[in-house]
Amino acid sequence: MSIPPEIRRLNARAHAAQLAWARRRLADRAAAGAGRDLAPFLRLDGDTDPVPAAMRAQVDRARRRLDRDWPGTEPLARRGGGRWLRLMRPVIEAAHVRRDHDRDGWSDLDDPARLAQWRASWDGAADAGRLELSVLYIGGELAAYCAAVLDWPAYRVLDSRMVTAWRRYSPGRVLEAAVISRLRDSGEFTVLDWGAGGHEEALIAVT
């Protein structure tokens, strides 16, 4: 079953806007002597671990800290279009803006047109039963999230951020690595498209 055309159009616009924003941020970092080219696609059907070794080592260290300080902390993922996903939209929206402001002093969602587009993409995917939200809570508080549109065989990330207060535990890295491993092990998707969630903390984009 293919994703409805109207949802595909919304996602394409969101993808283009977020990718342009991410490239702008990475260009700023490159001008300052940091960062690397954005790599928005990841194959999930290869024979090797799709998470680079250096990143895996960082995730393993963060995982050990989590297990020591907050034992039992594990990601949660839900998909479809249920009430929980709709209730989580303003929570995720606020976390997105707060993280951007903490890091940059501004957010793409400060723009009313971009915010309306982001909300429409979320609601459209939820209405079609094609939204998945993965979250990592630490101590009962949201520490990281990854929202994606299910467009088989592609898993298209709509948005992904961490919460600055929990950065000691690299929650974004931990969650993203967990999502990648889960998708690869399931065999449900062959491509992870990070473009729509293109942001500086993306596991496969920037160290």
C-alpha atoms as a PDB file:
ATOM      1  CA  MET A   1       0.000   0.000   0.000  1.00  0.00           C
ATOM      2  CA  SER A   2       1.535   3.315  -1.095  1.00  0.00           C
ATOM      3  CA  ILE A   3       1.440   6.509   0.895  1.00  0.00           C
ATOM      4  CA  PRO A   4      -1.450   8.808  -0.200  1.00  0.00           C
ATOM      5  CA  PRO A   5      -0.405  11.439  -2.807  1.00  0.00           C
ATOM      6  CA  GLU A   6      -1.478  14.397  -0.655  1.00  0.00           C
ATOM      7  CA  ILE A   7       0.657  13.153   2.251  1.00  0.00           C
ATOM      8  CA  ARG A   8       3.567  12.520  -0.105  1.00  0.00           C
ATOM      9  CA  ARG A   9       3.340  16.133  -1.310  1.00  0.00           C
ATOM     10  CA  LEU A  10       3.323  17.458   2.264  1.00  0.00           C
ATOM     11  CA  ASN A  11       6.310  15.301   3.161  1.00  0.00           C
ATOM     12  CA  ALA A  12       8.201  16.381   0.055  1.00  0.00           C
ATOM     13  CA  ARG A  13       7.764  20.049   0.986  1.00  0.00           C
ATOM     14  CA  ALA A  14       8.785  19.358   4.580  1.00  0.00           C
ATOM     15  CA  HIS A  15      11.796  17.366   3.332  1.00  0.00           C
ATOM     16  CA  ALA A  16      12.964  20.213   1.093  1.00  0.00           C
ATOM     17  CA  ALA A  17      12.512  22.874   3.775  1.00  0.00           C
ATOM     18  CA  GLN A  18      14.289  20.899   6.501  1.00  0.00           C
ATOM     19  CA  LEU A  19      17.114  19.805   4.222  1.00  0.00           C
ATOM     20  CA  ALA A  20      17.706  23.400   3.124  1.00  0.00           C
ATOM     21  CA  TRP A  21      17.734  24.479   6.766  1.00  0.00           C
ATOM     22  CA  ALA A  22      20.167  21.700   7.686  1.00  0.00           C
ATOM     23  CA  ARG A  23      22.495  22.555   4.813  1.00  0.00           C
ATOM     24  CA  ARG A  24      22.464  26.185   5.913  1.00  0.00           C
ATOM     25  CA  ARG A  25      23.483  25.164   9.430  1.00  0.00           C
ATOM     26  CA  LEU A  26      26.197  22.846   8.156  1.00  0.00           C
ATOM     27  CA  ALA A  27      27.512  25.553   5.831  1.00  0.00           C
ATOM     28  CA  ASP A  28      27.740  27.885   8.821  1.00  0.00           C
ATOM     29  CA  ARG A  29      29.643  25.209  10.739  1.00  0.00           C
ATOM     30  CA  ALA A  30      31.941  24.531   7.792  1.00  0.00           C
ATOM     31  CA  ALA A  31      32.743  28.239   7.559  1.00  0.00           C
ATOM     32  CA  ALA A  32      33.702  28.050  11.230  1.00  0.00           C
ATOM     33  CA  GLY A  33      35.906  25.013  10.557  1.00  0.00           C
ATOM     34  CA  ALA A  34      33.554  22.283  11.810  1.00  0.00           C
ATOM     35  CA  GLY A  35      31.052  19.807  10.413  1.00  0.00           C
ATOM     36  CA  ARG A  36      30.893  17.705   7.252  1.00  0.00           C
ATOM     37  CA  ASP A  37      28.623  17.178   4.256  1.00  0.00           C
ATOM     38  CA  LEU A  38      25.115  16.037   5.061  1.00  0.00           C
ATOM     39  CA  ALA A  39      24.509  12.338   4.337  1.00  0.00           C
ATOM     40  CA  PRO A  40      20.729  11.974   4.471  1.00  0.00           C
ATOM     41  CA  PHE A  41      20.357   8.370   3.233  1.00  0.00           C
ATOM     42  CA  LEU A  42      21.391   5.183   5.002  1.00  0.00           C
ATOM     43  CA  ARG A  43      21.067   1.668   3.587  1.00  0.00           C
ATOM     44  CA  LEU A  44      19.667  -0.806   6.073  1.00  0.00           C
ATOM     45  CA  ASP A  45      20.015  -3.975   4.006  1.00  0.00           C
ATOM     46  CA  GLY A  46      23.815  -4.278   3.892  1.00  0.00           C
ATOM     47  CA  ASP A  47      26.056  -6.835   5.574  1.00  0.00           C
ATOM     48  CA  THR A  48      27.823  -4.353   7.854  1.00  0.00           C
ATOM     49  CA  ASP A  49      26.678  -2.338  10.859  1.00  0.00           C
ATOM     50  CA  PRO A  50      25.149   0.880   9.436  1.00  0.00           C
ATOM     51  CA  VAL A  51      26.282   2.776  12.542  1.00  0.00           C
ATOM     52  CA  PRO A  52      29.947   3.875  12.091  1.00  0.00           C
ATOM     53  CA  ALA A  53      32.397   2.365  14.578  1.00  0.00           C
ATOM     54  CA  ALA A  54      33.290   5.707  16.193  1.00  0.00           C
ATOM     55  CA  MET A  55      29.614   6.515  16.659  1.00  0.00           C
ATOM     56  CA  ARG A  56      28.932   3.049  18.042  1.00  0.00           C
ATOM     57  CA  ALA A  57      31.692   3.569  20.609  1.00  0.00           C
ATOM     58  CA  GLN A  58      30.104   6.867  21.681  1.00  0.00           C
ATOM     59  CA  VAL A  59      26.715   5.198  21.967  1.00  0.00           C
ATOM     60  CA  ASP A  60      28.181   2.345  24.010  1.00  0.00           C
ATOM     61  CA  ARG A  61      29.766   4.811  26.455  1.00  0.00           C
ATOM     62  CA  ALA A  62      26.513   6.735  26.783  1.00  0.00           C
ATOM     63  CA  ARG A  63      24.595   3.491  27.240  1.00  0.00           C
ATOM     64  CA  ARG A  64      26.884   2.501  30.113  1.00  0.00           C
ATOM     65  CA  ARG A  65      26.304   5.861  31.811  1.00  0.00           C
ATOM     66  CA  LEU A  66      22.570   5.445  31.393  1.00  0.00           C
ATOM     67  CA  ASP A  67      22.618   1.904  32.774  1.00  0.00           C
ATOM     68  CA  ARG A  68      24.606   3.093  35.790  1.00  0.00           C
ATOM     69  CA  ASP A  69      22.602   6.226  36.592  1.00  0.00           C
ATOM     70  CA  TRP A  70      19.163   5.348  35.207  1.00  0.00           C
ATOM     71  CA  PRO A  71      18.886   1.564  34.946  1.00  0.00           C
ATOM     72  CA  GLY A  72      16.040   0.253  32.834  1.00  0.00           C
ATOM     73  CA  THR A  73      16.014   3.249  30.488  1.00  0.00           C
ATOM     74  CA  GLU A  74      14.905   2.024  27.061  1.00  0.00           C
ATOM     75  CA  PRO A  75      13.419   3.675  23.949  1.00  0.00           C
ATOM     76  CA  LEU A  76       9.709   3.460  23.234  1.00  0.00           C
ATOM     77  CA  ALA A  77       8.221   3.492  19.732  1.00  0.00           C
ATOM     78  CA  ARG A  78       4.606   3.732  18.617  1.00  0.00           C
ATOM     79  CA  ARG A  79       3.160   4.036  15.152  1.00  0.00           C
ATOM     80  CA  GLY A  80      -0.113   4.632  13.386  1.00  0.00           C
ATOM     81  CA  GLY A  81      -2.389   7.578  14.139  1.00  0.00           C
ATOM     82  CA  GLY A  82      -3.660   7.034  17.644  1.00  0.00           C
ATOM     83  CA  ARG A  83      -4.458   9.477  20.414  1.00  0.00           C
ATOM     84  CA  TRP A  84      -0.982   9.277  21.977  1.00  0.00           C
ATOM     85  CA  LEU A  85       0.682  10.462  18.771  1.00  0.00           C
ATOM     86  CA  ARG A  86      -1.711  13.396  18.532  1.00  0.00           C
ATOM     87  CA  LEU A  87      -1.173  14.333  22.174  1.00  0.00           C
ATOM     88  CA  MET A  88       2.588  14.153  21.678  1.00  0.00           C
ATOM     89  CA  ARG A  89       2.646  16.655  18.811  1.00  0.00           C
ATOM     90  CA  PRO A  90       2.763  19.807  21.009  1.00  0.00           C
ATOM     91  CA  VAL A  91       5.287  18.103  23.298  1.00  0.00           C
ATOM     92  CA  ILE A  92       7.586  17.344  20.366  1.00  0.00           C
ATOM     93  CA  GLU A  93       7.026  20.770  18.847  1.00  0.00           C
ATOM     94  CA  ALA A  94       8.076  22.451  22.113  1.00  0.00           C
ATOM     95  CA  ALA A  95      11.130  20.190  22.437  1.00  0.00           C
ATOM     96  CA  HIS A  96      12.155  20.981  18.845  1.00  0.00           C
ATOM     97  CA  VAL A  97      11.964  24.745  19.401  1.00  0.00           C
ATOM     98  CA  ARG A  98      13.622  24.611  22.828  1.00  0.00           C
ATOM     99  CA  ARG A  99      16.591  22.580  21.555  1.00  0.00           C
ATOM    100  CA  ASP A 100      17.099  24.907  18.595  1.00  0.00           C
ATOM    101  CA  HIS A 101      16.946  27.969  20.822  1.00  0.00           C
ATOM    102  CA  ASP A 102      19.392  26.419  23.302  1.00  0.00           C
ATOM    103  CA  ARG A 103      21.848  25.695  20.515  1.00  0.00           C
ATOM    104  CA  ASP A 104      21.349  28.532  18.031  1.00  0.00           C
ATOM    105  CA  GLY A 105      19.061  31.150  19.540  1.00  0.00           C
ATOM    106  CA  TRP A 106      16.494  30.549  16.786  1.00  0.00           C
ATOM    107  CA  SER A 107      14.463  27.694  15.275  1.00  0.00           C
ATOM    108  CA  ASP A 108      13.045  26.914  11.852  1.00  0.00           C
ATOM    109  CA  LEU A 109       9.669  26.552  13.616  1.00  0.00           C
ATOM    110  CA  ASP A 110       9.807  30.219  14.641  1.00  0.00           C
ATOM    111  CA  ASP A 111       8.635  30.875  11.080  1.00  0.00           C
ATOM    112  CA  PRO A 112       4.797  30.635  11.041  1.00  0.00           C
ATOM    113  CA  ALA A 113       4.744  29.151   7.527  1.00  0.00           C
ATOM    114  CA  ARG A 114       7.316  26.504   8.416  1.00  0.00           C
ATOM    115  CA  LEU A 115       5.475  25.719  11.657  1.00  0.00           C
ATOM    116  CA  ALA A 116       2.193  25.269   9.785  1.00  0.00           C
ATOM    117  CA  GLN A 117       3.940  22.985   7.312  1.00  0.00           C
ATOM    118  CA  TRP A 118       5.519  20.927  10.117  1.00  0.00           C
ATOM    119  CA  ARG A 119       2.152  20.509  11.842  1.00  0.00           C
ATOM    120  CA  ALA A 120       0.454  19.577   8.577  1.00  0.00           C
ATOM    121  CA  SER A 121       3.086  16.917   7.874  1.00  0.00           C
ATOM    122  CA  TRP A 122       2.661  15.445  11.374  1.00  0.00           C
ATOM    123  CA  ASP A 123      -1.139  15.452  11.210  1.00  0.00           C
ATOM    124  CA  GLY A 124      -1.220  14.185   7.643  1.00  0.00           C
ATOM    125  CA  ALA A 125       1.027  11.229   8.433  1.00  0.00           C
ATOM    126  CA  ALA A 126      -0.991  10.482  11.577  1.00  0.00           C
ATOM    127  CA  ASP A 127      -4.278  10.667   9.655  1.00  0.00           C
ATOM    128  CA  ALA A 128      -2.881   8.177   7.143  1.00  0.00           C
ATOM    129  CA  GLY A 129      -1.706   5.861   9.945  1.00  0.00           C
ATOM    130  CA  ARG A 130       1.888   6.334   8.720  1.00  0.00           C
ATOM    131  CA  LEU A 131       3.498   8.170  11.632  1.00  0.00           C
ATOM    132  CA  GLU A 132       5.994   6.549  13.999  1.00  0.00           C
ATOM    133  CA  LEU A 133       7.381   8.290  17.074  1.00  0.00           C
ATOM    134  CA  SER A 134      10.343   6.905  18.986  1.00  0.00           C
ATOM    135  CA  VAL A 135      11.158   8.522  22.323  1.00  0.00           C
ATOM    136  CA  LEU A 136      13.726   8.136  25.070  1.00  0.00           C
ATOM    137  CA  TYR A 137      12.712   9.183  28.570  1.00  0.00           C
ATOM    138  CA  ILE A 138      15.248   9.597  31.368  1.00  0.00           C
ATOM    139  CA  GLY A 139      13.993   9.966  34.902  1.00  0.00           C
ATOM    140  CA  GLY A 140      10.466  10.406  33.617  1.00  0.00           C
ATOM    141  CA  GLU A 141      11.436  13.316  31.341  1.00  0.00           C
ATOM    142  CA  LEU A 142      11.695  13.426  27.553  1.00  0.00           C
ATOM    143  CA  ALA A 143      15.382  13.265  26.576  1.00  0.00           C
ATOM    144  CA  ALA A 144      15.228  12.593  22.822  1.00  0.00           C
ATOM    145  CA  TYR A 145      12.766  11.828  20.061  1.00  0.00           C
ATOM    146  CA  CYS A 146      12.651  10.697  16.446  1.00  0.00           C
ATOM    147  CA  ALA A 147       9.461  11.065  14.371  1.00  0.00           C
ATOM    148  CA  ALA A 148       9.211   9.366  10.983  1.00  0.00           C
ATOM    149  CA  VAL A 149       6.818   8.747   8.109  1.00  0.00           C
ATOM    150  CA  LEU A 150       6.448   5.080   7.136  1.00  0.00           C
ATOM    151  CA  ASP A 151       6.827   4.997   3.351  1.00  0.00           C
ATOM    152  CA  TRP A 152       7.836   1.390   2.684  1.00  0.00           C
ATOM    153  CA  PRO A 153      10.538   0.438   1.886  1.00  0.00           C
ATOM    154  CA  ALA A 154      11.829   3.838   3.072  1.00  0.00           C
ATOM    155  CA  TYR A 155      11.701   5.104   6.648  1.00  0.00           C
ATOM    156  CA  ARG A 156      11.576   8.896   6.265  1.00  0.00           C
ATOM    157  CA  VAL A 157      12.543  10.893   9.338  1.00  0.00           C
ATOM    158  CA  LEU A 158      10.349  13.924   9.814  1.00  0.00           C
ATOM    159  CA  ASP A 159      12.041  15.357  12.901  1.00  0.00           C
ATOM    160  CA  SER A 160      14.612  14.342  15.498  1.00  0.00           C
ATOM    161  CA  ARG A 161      16.119  16.204  18.449  1.00  0.00           C
ATOM    162  CA  MET A 162      17.535  15.718  21.908  1.00  0.00           C
ATOM    163  CA  VAL A 163      16.777  17.731  25.048  1.00  0.00           C
ATOM    164  CA  THR A 164      19.783  19.811  26.077  1.00  0.00           C
ATOM    165  CA  ALA A 165      19.424  19.114  29.806  1.00  0.00           C
ATOM    166  CA  TRP A 166      20.208  15.414  29.198  1.00  0.00           C
ATOM    167  CA  ARG A 167      23.155  15.868  26.815  1.00  0.00           C
ATOM    168  CA  ARG A 168      25.533  14.141  29.275  1.00  0.00           C
ATOM    169  CA  TYR A 169      23.911  10.876  28.211  1.00  0.00           C
ATOM    170  CA  SER A 170      23.972  11.581  24.448  1.00  0.00           C
ATOM    171  CA  PRO A 171      20.281  10.657  24.281  1.00  0.00           C
ATOM    172  CA  GLY A 172      19.929  11.581  20.622  1.00  0.00           C
ATOM    173  CA  ARG A 173      22.773   9.249  19.667  1.00  0.00           C
ATOM    174  CA  VAL A 174      21.406   6.470  21.872  1.00  0.00           C
ATOM    175  CA  LEU A 175      17.911   6.760  20.423  1.00  0.00           C
ATOM    176  CA  GLU A 176      19.016   7.098  16.805  1.00  0.00           C
ATOM    177  CA  ALA A 177      21.302   4.059  17.088  1.00  0.00           C
ATOM    178  CA  ALA A 178      18.453   2.089  18.650  1.00  0.00           C
ATOM    179  CA  VAL A 179      16.099   3.092  15.830  1.00  0.00           C
ATOM    180  CA  ILE A 180      18.641   2.134  13.162  1.00  0.00           C
ATOM    181  CA  SER A 181      19.338  -1.237  14.783  1.00  0.00           C
ATOM    182  CA  ARG A 182      15.629  -1.965  15.216  1.00  0.00           C
ATOM    183  CA  LEU A 183      14.841  -1.124  11.598  1.00  0.00           C
ATOM    184  CA  ARG A 184      17.710  -3.196  10.286  1.00  0.00           C
ATOM    185  CA  ASP A 185      16.876  -6.208  12.444  1.00  0.00           C
ATOM    186  CA  SER A 186      13.210  -6.108  11.442  1.00  0.00           C
ATOM    187  CA  GLY A 187      13.960  -6.165   7.715  1.00  0.00           C
ATOM    188  CA  GLU A 188      10.894  -3.978   7.238  1.00  0.00           C
ATOM    189  CA  PHE A 189      12.756  -1.090   5.598  1.00  0.00           C
ATOM    190  CA  THR A 190      15.747  -0.965   3.274  1.00  0.00           C
ATOM    191  CA  VAL A 191      16.464   2.780   3.404  1.00  0.00           C
ATOM    192  CA  LEU A 192      16.505   5.320   6.202  1.00  0.00           C
ATOM    193  CA  ASP A 193      15.964   8.790   4.742  1.00  0.00           C
ATOM    194  CA  TRP A 194      17.265  11.296   7.254  1.00  0.00           C
ATOM    195  CA  GLY A 195      16.673  14.264   4.978  1.00  0.00           C
ATOM    196  CA  ALA A 196      13.365  15.475   6.400  1.00  0.00           C
ATOM    197  CA  GLY A 197      14.799  15.402   9.902  1.00  0.00           C
ATOM    198  CA  GLY A 198      18.058  16.911   8.691  1.00  0.00           C
ATOM    199  CA  HIS A 199      19.617  18.526  11.721  1.00  0.00           C
ATOM    200  CA  GLU A 200      23.081  18.922  13.066  1.00  0.00           C
ATOM    201  CA  GLU A 201      22.758  16.131  15.609  1.00  0.00           C
ATOM    202  CA  ALA A 202      21.790  13.466  13.063  1.00  0.00           C
ATOM    203  CA  LEU A 203      23.836  10.359  13.766  1.00  0.00           C
ATOM    204  CA  ILE A 204      24.942   9.966  10.156  1.00  0.00           C
ATOM    205  CA  ALA A 205      25.492  13.630   9.402  1.00  0.00           C
ATOM    206  CA  VAL A 206      27.714  15.303  11.973  1.00  0.00           C
ATOM    207  CA  THR A 207      29.955  14.147  14.771  1.00  0.00           C
END
